[in-house]
Amino acid sequence: MSTSFSEIPIIDLSQATEDSTKPRLLESLRYALTEVGFLYVSNHGVPAAAVDSLVKALPTLFELDDEAKKSVALENSPHFLGYSGVGAENTGGKADRREQFEFATELAATWTSGGPLYERLRGPNQWPKGHPELRSAVEAYIGELTRLGERFLDLVAQALSLQSGTFQPFLSDQHRLKLVHYPALSPGDPAASQQGVGPHKDSSGWWTFLLQASPPEVKGLQVLNKAGAWVDVPVVPGTFVVNIGQAFEVVTNGACKATTHRVLSGSHERYSVPFFQGVRRDLTKAEAVGTLADHFAGLAAAGRESEEGHAIDSAFLKGKYDTWGESQLRTKVRSHRENGRKFYPEVYDLYVNDDA
């Protein structure tokens, strides 16, 4: 009988290299997958230099002047890549108190008029001029996290009694990275919103790999457990926080749930770097639900979620959109409405007014 978790498990990936420790690793991972939906990974193999270069670049990036930020504004990009300021993104209908740069695997735009609108999400980054070190740090980090994600998926498959490689065919050609800055709350301002980012389930990828890039005393990330209580996810140096995205929940027939989480702003500024492992834009709901349905039929975890978690907006899980790409486009338009009005006027009203 399952119980509600009160802390996030740490999975030591170095245990995968030895026959004597791998069974213990897979058992711990299976628990994290089916009972928590969040975990830390340690000894993950990502070079410290790649992480340190990115962390070092964060203050420089967010200290760029307004003109430099405006030159790479997300509103310039039909791919939703670039800079957005505090309050520009909404979660749960409320403004998030964070600024961020969004990047992705560097790819050319290939969408042509008449093709599926969601294919327009694929495209190149906007890079701040005069800072080549930022681009090299971001691209190196995306490369390392792409490789970690693929290695991790093999362990996930084995922990769920599947063959290595089972989950890779669901992956996209483009993964996304956010560099996020949560400004500190002004002391003595009771009107200031604590919503760094509101309660949500990750809709931007297959799995999320999060670098908490601030010192351990800086808190903010919380996860909602099955009893409806918020559990802190403190900084653990040398680890990534890893969590399930909505598409993975669909493919596993609800056995592995995307867990609701949020960030509360506080008296310290906070830096955060989530990497979203991309899902194929043409993945249909029928393919997602049906591919592994027989395997997961006996593992479905119906009802093992708090009321608040179950109510979170989840277009691909609960909505009427047949492809992952369209549900993703809907989410982007609803979160970045100025961008949606500019590049997607034909679906803007539909998506903004659709709460299904």
Protein backbone atom coordinates (compact mmCIF):
# COMPACT_ATOMS: atom_id res chain seq x y z
CA MET A 1 0.00 0.00 0.00
CA SER A 2 1.51 3.33 -1.05
CA THR A 3 2.08 6.23 1.31
CA SER A 4 2.55 9.90 0.53
CA PHE A 5 6.19 10.92 0.20
CA SER A 6 7.74 13.52 2.52
CA GLU A 7 11.13 13.92 0.81
CA ILE A 8 12.65 13.51 -2.64
CA PRO A 9 14.82 10.40 -3.17
CA ILE A 10 18.42 10.65 -4.38
CA ILE A 11 19.43 8.16 -7.10
CA ASP A 12 23.15 7.49 -7.48
CA LEU A 13 23.68 6.81 -11.18
CA SER A 14 27.19 5.41 -10.58
CA GLN A 15 25.46 2.27 -9.26
CA ALA A 16 24.47 1.46 -12.85
CA THR A 17 28.05 0.56 -13.72
CA GLU A 18 28.36 -2.45 -11.40
CA ASP A 19 26.36 -5.68 -11.55
CA SER A 20 26.38 -5.82 -7.74
CA THR A 21 24.72 -2.39 -7.31
CA LYS A 22 22.56 -2.02 -10.40
CA PRO A 23 19.56 -4.02 -9.04
CA ARG A 24 19.43 -1.70 -6.01
CA LEU A 25 19.56 1.33 -8.32
CA LEU A 26 16.69 0.04 -10.47
CA GLU A 27 14.58 -0.75 -7.40
CA SER A 28 15.11 2.77 -5.99
CA LEU A 29 14.40 4.30 -9.38
CA ARG A 30 11.19 2.32 -9.78
CA TYR A 31 9.96 3.64 -6.43
CA ALA A 32 10.78 7.22 -7.48
CA LEU A 33 9.00 6.73 -10.82
CA THR A 34 5.79 5.24 -9.49
CA GLU A 35 5.44 6.85 -6.05
CA VAL A 36 7.04 10.32 -6.26
CA GLY A 37 7.57 11.56 -9.82
CA PHE A 38 10.55 13.63 -8.64
CA LEU A 39 14.09 12.58 -7.77
CA TYR A 40 17.65 13.83 -7.54
CA VAL A 41 20.39 12.20 -9.62
CA SER A 42 23.96 12.22 -8.31
CA ASN A 43 27.17 10.99 -9.99
CA HIS A 44 25.42 11.73 -13.28
CA GLY A 45 28.50 12.05 -15.47
CA VAL A 46 27.94 15.64 -16.65
CA PRO A 47 31.35 17.35 -16.43
CA ALA A 48 31.59 19.92 -13.65
CA ALA A 49 33.19 22.33 -16.13
CA ALA A 50 30.04 22.38 -18.27
CA VAL A 51 27.87 23.12 -15.24
CA ASP A 52 30.26 25.70 -13.78
CA SER A 53 30.57 27.59 -17.09
CA LEU A 54 26.81 27.93 -17.32
CA VAL A 55 26.37 28.96 -13.67
CA LYS A 56 29.13 31.56 -14.06
CA ALA A 57 27.37 32.98 -17.11
CA LEU A 58 24.01 33.51 -15.39
CA PRO A 59 24.67 36.83 -13.58
CA THR A 60 26.29 38.26 -16.74
CA LEU A 61 23.31 37.26 -18.81
CA PHE A 62 20.70 38.75 -16.50
CA GLU A 63 22.74 41.93 -15.96
CA LEU A 64 22.51 42.76 -19.67
CA ASP A 65 20.90 46.16 -20.19
CA ASP A 66 17.30 46.54 -21.27
CA GLU A 67 18.26 47.22 -24.88
CA ALA A 68 20.28 44.00 -25.14
CA LYS A 69 17.42 42.00 -23.60
CA LYS A 70 14.91 43.65 -25.91
CA SER A 71 17.01 42.70 -28.94
CA VAL A 72 16.43 39.00 -28.15
CA ALA A 73 12.89 39.31 -26.78
CA LEU A 74 10.79 36.17 -26.97
CA GLU A 75 8.13 38.23 -28.77
CA ASN A 76 10.49 38.32 -31.79
CA SER A 77 10.34 34.55 -32.12
CA PRO A 78 7.56 32.30 -33.44
CA HIS A 79 9.52 29.48 -31.76
CA PHE A 80 9.04 31.04 -28.29
CA LEU A 81 12.80 31.35 -27.81
CA GLY A 82 14.41 34.41 -26.27
CA TYR A 83 14.08 36.73 -23.28
CA SER A 84 10.92 37.42 -21.29
CA GLY A 85 10.72 39.78 -18.33
CA VAL A 86 9.14 39.51 -14.90
CA GLY A 87 5.40 39.00 -15.21
CA ALA A 88 5.50 38.14 -18.94
CA GLU A 89 4.56 34.49 -18.39
CA ASN A 90 1.40 33.24 -16.70
CA THR A 91 0.79 30.00 -14.82
CA GLY A 92 -2.70 29.15 -13.66
CA GLY A 93 -3.92 32.52 -14.88
CA LYS A 94 -1.53 34.50 -12.66
CA ALA A 95 1.70 36.29 -13.58
CA ASP A 96 4.94 34.54 -12.63
CA ARG A 97 7.57 36.60 -10.83
CA ARG A 98 10.62 35.60 -12.85
CA GLU A 99 12.63 36.64 -15.87
CA GLN A 100 14.12 34.09 -18.23
CA PHE A 101 16.02 33.31 -21.39
CA GLU A 102 14.78 30.35 -23.40
CA PHE A 103 17.10 28.44 -25.69
CA ALA A 104 16.90 25.14 -27.56
CA THR A 105 18.92 22.71 -29.64
CA GLU A 106 20.09 24.96 -32.50
CA LEU A 107 18.00 24.04 -35.55
CA ALA A 108 16.79 25.84 -38.66
CA ALA A 109 13.13 26.75 -39.09
CA THR A 110 11.46 24.34 -41.52
CA TRP A 111 7.76 25.22 -41.26
CA THR A 112 5.99 26.29 -44.43
CA SER A 113 2.52 27.79 -44.77
CA GLY A 114 -0.10 25.06 -44.90
CA GLY A 115 1.86 22.69 -42.67
CA PRO A 116 0.82 21.92 -39.09
CA LEU A 117 1.12 25.13 -37.06
CA TYR A 118 2.91 23.28 -34.28
CA GLU A 119 5.87 22.64 -36.60
CA ARG A 120 6.54 26.37 -36.38
CA LEU A 121 7.78 25.78 -32.83
CA ARG A 122 10.97 24.28 -34.33
CA GLY A 123 13.57 26.92 -35.07
CA PRO A 124 16.77 28.77 -34.18
CA ASN A 125 17.77 30.62 -31.03
CA GLN A 126 18.24 34.32 -30.48
CA TRP A 127 21.71 35.01 -29.08
CA PRO A 128 22.74 38.25 -27.32
CA LYS A 129 25.36 40.04 -29.44
CA GLY A 130 28.87 40.52 -28.09
CA HIS A 131 28.82 37.58 -25.67
CA PRO A 132 30.08 34.48 -27.53
CA GLU A 133 31.00 32.83 -24.22
CA LEU A 134 27.30 32.70 -23.32
CA ARG A 135 26.44 30.84 -26.51
CA SER A 136 29.29 28.36 -26.09
CA ALA A 137 28.31 27.66 -22.46
CA VAL A 138 24.64 27.14 -23.37
CA GLU A 139 25.36 24.91 -26.37
CA ALA A 140 27.86 22.78 -24.44
CA TYR A 141 25.37 22.35 -21.60
CA ILE A 142 22.50 21.40 -23.94
CA GLY A 143 24.78 18.78 -25.52
CA GLU A 144 25.71 17.27 -22.15
CA LEU A 145 22.11 17.21 -20.88
CA THR A 146 20.91 15.65 -24.13
CA ARG A 147 23.34 12.77 -23.61
CA LEU A 148 22.47 12.43 -19.91
CA GLY A 149 18.78 12.32 -20.78
CA GLU A 150 19.24 9.47 -23.23
CA ARG A 151 21.34 7.46 -20.76
CA PHE A 152 18.77 8.08 -18.05
CA LEU A 153 15.90 6.88 -20.26
CA ASP A 154 17.59 3.49 -20.63
CA LEU A 155 17.67 3.12 -16.83
CA VAL A 156 14.04 4.23 -16.59
CA ALA A 157 13.06 1.58 -19.12
CA GLN A 158 14.90 -1.14 -17.22
CA ALA A 159 13.39 -0.02 -13.90
CA LEU A 160 9.94 -0.44 -15.50
CA SER A 161 10.82 -3.92 -16.88
CA LEU A 162 11.23 -2.72 -20.47
CA GLN A 163 14.09 -2.96 -22.95
CA SER A 164 16.70 -0.20 -23.16
CA GLY A 165 15.79 2.12 -26.02
CA THR A 166 12.03 1.77 -25.51
CA PHE A 167 11.47 5.47 -24.82
CA GLN A 168 13.88 7.09 -27.30
CA PRO A 169 11.48 6.89 -30.30
CA PHE A 170 9.19 9.35 -28.50
CA LEU A 171 11.90 12.05 -28.43
CA SER A 172 11.97 15.20 -30.53
CA ASP A 173 14.84 16.58 -32.58
CA GLN A 174 14.83 19.70 -30.38
CA HIS A 175 15.22 20.02 -26.61
CA ARG A 176 14.65 23.23 -24.66
CA LEU A 177 16.54 25.03 -21.91
CA LYS A 178 15.42 27.88 -19.66
CA LEU A 179 17.80 30.10 -17.73
CA VAL A 180 15.65 31.59 -14.98
CA HIS A 181 16.17 34.42 -12.49
CA TYR A 182 13.74 34.89 -9.61
CA PRO A 183 14.30 38.38 -8.12
CA ALA A 184 14.28 38.67 -4.35
CA LEU A 185 11.08 39.96 -2.78
CA SER A 186 11.25 43.47 -1.41
CA PRO A 187 11.17 43.36 2.41
CA GLY A 188 8.08 44.80 4.00
CA ASP A 189 5.92 44.69 0.87
CA PRO A 190 2.86 42.60 1.80
CA ALA A 191 1.34 43.13 -1.65
CA ALA A 192 4.22 41.44 -3.48
CA SER A 193 3.26 38.09 -5.01
CA GLN A 194 5.25 35.08 -3.86
CA GLN A 195 4.46 33.23 -7.11
CA GLY A 196 7.83 32.67 -8.71
CA VAL A 197 6.01 30.15 -10.89
CA GLY A 198 2.57 28.84 -10.00
CA PRO A 199 1.54 25.21 -9.44
CA HIS A 200 1.90 23.22 -12.67
CA LYS A 201 2.91 19.92 -14.22
CA ASP A 202 5.70 20.13 -16.77
CA SER A 203 4.18 20.30 -20.23
CA SER A 204 7.36 21.21 -22.11
CA GLY A 205 9.03 17.83 -22.31
CA TRP A 206 9.35 14.12 -21.74
CA TRP A 207 11.49 14.55 -18.63
CA THR A 208 12.89 17.67 -16.94
CA PHE A 209 16.45 17.93 -15.62
CA LEU A 210 16.77 20.90 -13.28
CA LEU A 211 19.95 22.56 -12.07
CA GLN A 212 19.27 24.59 -8.91
CA ALA A 213 21.99 27.14 -9.53
CA SER A 214 21.93 29.03 -6.23
CA PRO A 215 23.53 28.23 -2.86
CA PRO A 216 21.83 25.68 -0.56
CA GLU A 217 20.36 28.36 1.70
CA VAL A 218 18.24 29.64 -1.21
CA LYS A 219 14.93 27.81 -1.15
CA GLY A 220 11.81 28.02 -3.29
CA LEU A 221 11.07 24.79 -5.18
CA GLN A 222 8.23 22.70 -3.72
CA VAL A 223 6.48 19.51 -4.84
CA LEU A 224 2.88 18.52 -4.07
CA ASN A 225 2.56 15.05 -2.57
CA LYS A 226 -0.44 12.73 -2.86
CA ALA A 227 -1.85 13.96 0.46
CA GLY A 228 -1.94 17.54 -0.86
CA ALA A 229 1.01 18.79 1.22
CA TRP A 230 3.86 20.83 -0.24
CA VAL A 231 7.30 19.24 0.17
CA ASP A 232 10.49 21.32 -0.09
CA VAL A 233 13.11 20.34 -2.69
CA PRO A 234 16.30 21.86 -1.25
CA VAL A 235 19.51 22.43 -3.19
CA VAL A 236 21.77 19.36 -3.08
CA PRO A 237 25.16 20.32 -4.58
CA GLY A 238 26.36 18.09 -7.41
CA THR A 239 22.89 16.83 -8.34
CA PHE A 240 20.12 17.51 -10.82
CA VAL A 241 16.47 17.45 -9.83
CA VAL A 242 14.66 15.22 -12.33
CA ASN A 243 10.91 14.99 -12.83
CA ILE A 244 8.30 13.42 -15.08
CA GLY A 245 6.57 15.41 -17.82
CA GLN A 246 2.96 15.04 -18.89
CA ALA A 247 3.63 13.02 -22.05
CA PHE A 248 5.50 10.37 -20.06
CA GLU A 249 2.50 10.02 -17.76
CA VAL A 250 0.29 9.36 -20.77
CA VAL A 251 2.64 6.76 -22.27
CA THR A 252 2.92 4.90 -18.94
CA ASN A 253 -0.86 4.79 -18.53
CA GLY A 254 -0.69 6.91 -15.37
CA ALA A 255 1.71 4.55 -13.61
CA CYS A 256 4.34 7.31 -13.58
CA LYS A 257 2.63 10.59 -12.81
CA ALA A 258 3.79 14.10 -13.62
CA THR A 259 3.95 15.66 -10.16
CA THR A 260 2.64 19.17 -9.49
CA HIS A 261 5.26 21.66 -8.34
CA ARG A 262 5.78 25.40 -7.82
CA VAL A 263 8.41 27.99 -6.90
CA LEU A 264 7.90 30.53 -4.13
CA SER A 265 9.94 33.72 -4.23
CA GLY A 266 11.68 34.79 -1.04
CA SER A 267 14.22 37.15 0.44
CA HIS A 268 17.05 35.80 -1.77
CA GLU A 269 17.29 36.01 -5.54
CA ARG A 270 17.36 32.56 -7.13
CA TYR A 271 18.79 31.09 -10.33
CA SER A 272 17.36 27.94 -11.90
CA VAL A 273 18.13 26.04 -15.11
CA PRO A 274 15.53 23.51 -16.30
CA PHE A 275 16.32 21.36 -19.36
CA PHE A 276 13.20 19.95 -21.03
CA GLN A 277 13.73 16.73 -22.96
CA GLY A 278 11.69 17.27 -26.12
CA VAL A 279 8.76 15.13 -27.25
CA ARG A 280 7.99 14.44 -30.92
CA ARG A 281 5.58 17.12 -32.08
CA ASP A 282 3.63 14.65 -34.28
CA LEU A 283 3.06 12.19 -31.42
CA THR A 284 -0.67 11.45 -31.36
CA LYS A 285 -2.66 10.71 -28.25
CA ALA A 286 -3.64 7.31 -29.68
CA GLU A 287 0.03 6.41 -30.21
CA ALA A 288 1.01 7.71 -26.78
CA VAL A 289 -1.78 5.84 -25.01
CA GLY A 290 -1.63 2.66 -27.07
CA THR A 291 2.05 1.88 -27.64
CA LEU A 292 2.75 0.46 -24.17
CA ALA A 293 -0.82 0.08 -22.90
CA ASP A 294 -0.60 -3.67 -22.36
CA HIS A 295 2.63 -3.40 -20.39
CA PHE A 296 1.33 -0.71 -18.05
CA ALA A 297 -2.26 -1.93 -17.72
CA GLY A 298 -1.57 -3.54 -14.37
CA LEU A 299 0.47 -0.65 -13.03
CA ALA A 300 -1.97 2.24 -13.50
CA ALA A 301 -2.20 4.37 -10.39
CA ALA A 302 -5.73 5.75 -10.64
CA GLY A 303 -6.66 8.19 -7.90
CA ARG A 304 -3.18 8.35 -6.38
CA GLU A 305 -2.97 12.11 -6.60
CA SER A 306 -4.18 15.02 -4.51
CA GLU A 307 -7.27 16.97 -5.59
CA GLU A 308 -5.18 20.06 -6.28
CA GLY A 309 -2.75 18.08 -8.42
CA HIS A 310 -5.52 16.38 -10.37
CA ALA A 311 -7.08 19.78 -11.19
CA ILE A 312 -3.91 21.22 -12.81
CA ASP A 313 -4.38 22.20 -16.47
CA SER A 314 -3.09 19.39 -18.66
CA ALA A 315 -4.10 19.72 -22.31
CA PHE A 316 -2.50 16.52 -23.61
CA LEU A 317 -3.72 14.43 -20.68
CA LYS A 318 -7.27 15.74 -20.50
CA GLY A 319 -7.85 18.04 -23.47
CA LYS A 320 -9.15 17.68 -26.99
CA TYR A 321 -5.90 18.12 -28.92
CA ASP A 322 -4.77 15.06 -30.80
CA THR A 323 -1.04 15.75 -31.11
CA TRP A 324 1.60 16.65 -28.60
CA GLY A 325 2.63 19.53 -30.87
CA GLU A 326 -0.77 21.20 -30.77
CA SER A 327 -1.16 20.80 -27.02
CA GLN A 328 2.34 22.27 -26.66
CA LEU A 329 1.49 25.21 -28.92
CA ARG A 330 -1.66 25.84 -26.87
CA THR A 331 0.39 25.93 -23.68
CA LYS A 332 2.91 28.36 -25.18
CA VAL A 333 0.23 30.71 -26.49
CA ARG A 334 -1.61 30.72 -23.14
CA SER A 335 1.63 31.40 -21.24
CA HIS A 336 3.02 34.07 -23.62
CA ARG A 337 -0.04 35.85 -24.94
CA GLU A 338 1.66 38.77 -26.68
CA ASN A 339 3.71 36.28 -28.66
CA GLY A 340 0.59 34.24 -29.40
CA ARG A 341 -1.32 37.27 -30.73
CA LYS A 342 1.57 38.20 -33.00
CA PHE A 343 2.44 34.86 -34.60
CA TYR A 344 -0.63 32.66 -34.09
CA PRO A 345 -3.70 34.92 -34.50
CA GLU A 346 -5.68 32.14 -36.19
CA VAL A 347 -5.72 30.04 -33.00
CA TYR A 348 -5.14 32.67 -30.32
CA ASP A 349 -8.77 33.09 -29.21
CA LEU A 350 -9.38 29.34 -29.35
CA TYR A 351 -6.43 28.51 -27.11
CA VAL A 352 -6.80 31.38 -24.64
CA ASN A 353 -10.50 30.68 -24.09
CA ASP A 354 -10.16 26.90 -23.98
CA ASP A 355 -9.99 25.61 -20.44
CA ALA A 356 -10.62 21.98 -21.44
